[in-house]
Amino acid sequence: MNNFAERLKELRKEKEITQMQLAFETNISKSAIANWELGISQPNSNAVIILSRYFDVSCDYLLGEVDNA
């Protein structure tokens, strides 16, 4: 699994929300979120920004470039 996939799933579970809830709150499709968490595909830059704002972490952290949010 890639760093982004691991971080996304970790952050979602810490917030105790489902993929469906995350999809609803970010206006990103559930299938996209599922594919990202499985490492099947990667988000575009706009999605990374939306998710980093939602989880209140840096884009670099979300992408696995740094270890602190």
N, C-alpha and C. Protein backbone atom coordinates (compact mmCIF):
# COMPACT_ATOMS: atom_id res chain seq x y z
N MET A 1 0.85 -1.19 0.00
CA MET A 1 0.00 0.00 0.00
C MET A 1 0.90 1.25 0.00
N ASN A 2 0.49 2.27 -0.72
CA ASN A 2 1.30 3.48 -0.78
C ASN A 2 1.04 4.39 0.42
N ASN A 3 1.91 5.37 0.58
CA ASN A 3 1.80 6.28 1.73
C ASN A 3 0.47 7.03 1.76
N PHE A 4 0.03 7.49 0.60
CA PHE A 4 -1.24 8.23 0.57
C PHE A 4 -2.38 7.33 1.04
N ALA A 5 -2.45 6.12 0.51
CA ALA A 5 -3.51 5.17 0.86
C ALA A 5 -3.52 4.92 2.36
N GLU A 6 -2.34 4.69 2.92
CA GLU A 6 -2.24 4.42 4.36
C GLU A 6 -2.68 5.63 5.18
N ARG A 7 -2.21 6.81 4.80
CA ARG A 7 -2.55 8.02 5.55
C ARG A 7 -4.04 8.32 5.48
N LEU A 8 -4.62 8.20 4.31
CA LEU A 8 -6.03 8.50 4.14
C LEU A 8 -6.87 7.57 5.02
N LYS A 9 -6.59 6.29 4.96
CA LYS A 9 -7.36 5.33 5.75
C LYS A 9 -7.16 5.58 7.25
N GLU A 10 -5.92 5.87 7.64
CA GLU A 10 -5.61 6.15 9.05
C GLU A 10 -6.38 7.38 9.55
N LEU A 11 -6.35 8.44 8.78
CA LEU A 11 -7.04 9.68 9.18
C LEU A 11 -8.55 9.48 9.25
N ARG A 12 -9.07 8.73 8.30
CA ARG A 12 -10.51 8.48 8.30
C ARG A 12 -10.92 7.65 9.52
N LYS A 13 -10.15 6.65 9.82
CA LYS A 13 -10.47 5.80 10.98
C LYS A 13 -10.30 6.56 12.30
N GLU A 14 -9.29 7.44 12.38
CA GLU A 14 -9.12 8.26 13.58
C GLU A 14 -10.34 9.15 13.81
N LYS A 15 -10.93 9.61 12.73
CA LYS A 15 -12.11 10.48 12.81
C LYS A 15 -13.39 9.65 13.01
N GLU A 16 -13.23 8.33 12.91
CA GLU A 16 -14.34 7.39 13.10
C GLU A 16 -15.50 7.65 12.14
N ILE A 17 -15.14 7.78 10.86
CA ILE A 17 -16.16 7.96 9.83
C ILE A 17 -15.97 6.90 8.75
N THR A 18 -17.04 6.60 8.06
CA THR A 18 -17.00 5.64 6.96
C THR A 18 -16.56 6.34 5.67
N GLN A 19 -16.25 5.51 4.69
CA GLN A 19 -15.94 6.07 3.38
C GLN A 19 -17.14 6.85 2.84
N MET A 20 -18.32 6.36 3.10
CA MET A 20 -19.54 7.03 2.63
C MET A 20 -19.69 8.40 3.29
N GLN A 21 -19.42 8.48 4.58
CA GLN A 21 -19.51 9.77 5.28
C GLN A 21 -18.47 10.75 4.74
N LEU A 22 -17.25 10.26 4.53
CA LEU A 22 -16.20 11.11 3.98
C LEU A 22 -16.60 11.60 2.59
N ALA A 23 -17.14 10.72 1.80
CA ALA A 23 -17.58 11.10 0.45
C ALA A 23 -18.63 12.20 0.52
N PHE A 24 -19.61 12.04 1.38
CA PHE A 24 -20.67 13.01 1.53
C PHE A 24 -20.13 14.37 1.98
N GLU A 25 -19.23 14.35 2.97
CA GLU A 25 -18.73 15.61 3.54
C GLU A 25 -17.74 16.34 2.64
N THR A 26 -17.09 15.62 1.73
CA THR A 26 -16.10 16.25 0.85
C THR A 26 -16.58 16.39 -0.59
N ASN A 27 -17.76 15.82 -0.89
CA ASN A 27 -18.28 15.81 -2.26
C ASN A 27 -17.34 15.09 -3.22
N ILE A 28 -16.72 14.03 -2.73
CA ILE A 28 -15.86 13.15 -3.53
C ILE A 28 -16.58 11.80 -3.55
N SER A 29 -16.55 11.11 -4.66
CA SER A 29 -17.28 9.85 -4.75
C SER A 29 -16.70 8.79 -3.80
N LYS A 30 -17.59 7.95 -3.29
CA LYS A 30 -17.16 6.87 -2.40
C LYS A 30 -16.23 5.92 -3.14
N SER A 31 -16.51 5.67 -4.40
CA SER A 31 -15.66 4.75 -5.17
C SER A 31 -14.25 5.30 -5.33
N ALA A 32 -14.12 6.61 -5.50
CA ALA A 32 -12.79 7.22 -5.59
C ALA A 32 -12.04 7.03 -4.28
N ILE A 33 -12.71 7.29 -3.17
CA ILE A 33 -12.09 7.14 -1.85
C ILE A 33 -11.67 5.69 -1.63
N ALA A 34 -12.54 4.75 -1.96
CA ALA A 34 -12.22 3.33 -1.81
C ALA A 34 -11.01 2.95 -2.67
N ASN A 35 -10.99 3.40 -3.91
CA ASN A 35 -9.86 3.10 -4.79
C ASN A 35 -8.56 3.72 -4.29
N TRP A 36 -8.63 4.91 -3.73
CA TRP A 36 -7.43 5.54 -3.17
C TRP A 36 -6.93 4.75 -1.97
N GLU A 37 -7.84 4.35 -1.08
CA GLU A 37 -7.43 3.60 0.10
C GLU A 37 -6.86 2.23 -0.26
N LEU A 38 -7.29 1.66 -1.36
CA LEU A 38 -6.76 0.38 -1.81
C LEU A 38 -5.49 0.54 -2.65
N GLY A 39 -5.14 1.77 -2.96
CA GLY A 39 -3.95 2.02 -3.76
C GLY A 39 -4.15 1.74 -5.25
N ILE A 40 -5.41 1.62 -5.67
CA ILE A 40 -5.73 1.34 -7.07
C ILE A 40 -5.51 2.57 -7.94
N SER A 41 -5.82 3.72 -7.39
CA SER A 41 -5.63 4.97 -8.13
C SER A 41 -5.15 6.05 -7.16
N GLN A 42 -4.78 7.18 -7.74
CA GLN A 42 -4.28 8.31 -6.96
C GLN A 42 -5.18 9.52 -7.20
N PRO A 43 -5.32 10.37 -6.18
CA PRO A 43 -6.17 11.56 -6.33
C PRO A 43 -5.47 12.63 -7.15
N ASN A 44 -6.28 13.52 -7.72
CA ASN A 44 -5.69 14.68 -8.38
C ASN A 44 -5.36 15.73 -7.31
N SER A 45 -4.69 16.78 -7.70
CA SER A 45 -4.24 17.78 -6.73
C SER A 45 -5.40 18.45 -6.01
N ASN A 46 -6.49 18.68 -6.71
CA ASN A 46 -7.66 19.30 -6.09
C ASN A 46 -8.21 18.43 -4.96
N ALA A 47 -8.29 17.12 -5.18
CA ALA A 47 -8.78 16.20 -4.16
C ALA A 47 -7.84 16.17 -2.96
N VAL A 48 -6.54 16.22 -3.21
CA VAL A 48 -5.57 16.23 -2.10
C VAL A 48 -5.79 17.47 -1.24
N ILE A 49 -6.02 18.60 -1.86
CA ILE A 49 -6.26 19.85 -1.12
C ILE A 49 -7.54 19.75 -0.31
N ILE A 50 -8.60 19.25 -0.92
CA ILE A 50 -9.88 19.10 -0.20
C ILE A 50 -9.71 18.19 1.01
N LEU A 51 -9.03 17.07 0.83
CA LEU A 51 -8.84 16.13 1.94
C LEU A 51 -7.92 16.69 3.02
N SER A 52 -6.87 17.39 2.62
CA SER A 52 -5.97 17.95 3.63
C SER A 52 -6.68 19.01 4.47
N ARG A 53 -7.54 19.79 3.85
CA ARG A 53 -8.32 20.78 4.60
C ARG A 53 -9.34 20.09 5.50
N TYR A 54 -9.98 19.05 5.00
CA TYR A 54 -10.98 18.34 5.78
C TYR A 54 -10.35 17.72 7.03
N PHE A 55 -9.19 17.09 6.88
CA PHE A 55 -8.53 16.44 8.01
C PHE A 55 -7.60 17.38 8.78
N ASP A 56 -7.46 18.61 8.31
CA ASP A 56 -6.60 19.61 8.94
C ASP A 56 -5.15 19.13 9.04
N VAL A 57 -4.64 18.63 7.92
CA VAL A 57 -3.25 18.21 7.82
C VAL A 57 -2.67 18.84 6.56
N SER A 58 -1.35 18.83 6.45
CA SER A 58 -0.73 19.39 5.24
C SER A 58 -0.86 18.39 4.09
N CYS A 59 -0.79 18.91 2.89
CA CYS A 59 -0.80 18.05 1.71
C CYS A 59 0.41 17.12 1.74
N ASP A 60 1.56 17.65 2.17
CA ASP A 60 2.77 16.83 2.26
C ASP A 60 2.58 15.65 3.21
N TYR A 61 1.92 15.89 4.33
CA TYR A 61 1.65 14.79 5.27
C TYR A 61 0.72 13.77 4.62
N LEU A 62 -0.34 14.23 4.02
CA LEU A 62 -1.30 13.33 3.40
C LEU A 62 -0.65 12.49 2.31
N LEU A 63 0.26 13.07 1.58
CA LEU A 63 0.95 12.34 0.50
C LEU A 63 2.11 11.49 1.01
N GLY A 64 2.41 11.58 2.32
CA GLY A 64 3.48 10.76 2.88
C GLY A 64 4.86 11.34 2.71
N GLU A 65 4.95 12.63 2.38
CA GLU A 65 6.23 13.27 2.19
C GLU A 65 6.90 13.68 3.51
N VAL A 66 6.10 13.94 4.52
CA VAL A 66 6.61 14.28 5.86
C VAL A 66 5.83 13.46 6.89
N ASP A 67 6.43 13.31 8.05
CA ASP A 67 5.82 12.48 9.09
C ASP A 67 4.96 13.23 10.10
N ASN A 68 5.01 14.55 10.06
CA ASN A 68 4.15 15.30 10.99
C ASN A 68 3.15 16.13 10.21
N ALA A 69 1.93 16.14 10.72
CA ALA A 69 0.83 16.80 10.03
C ALA A 69 1.06 18.30 9.96
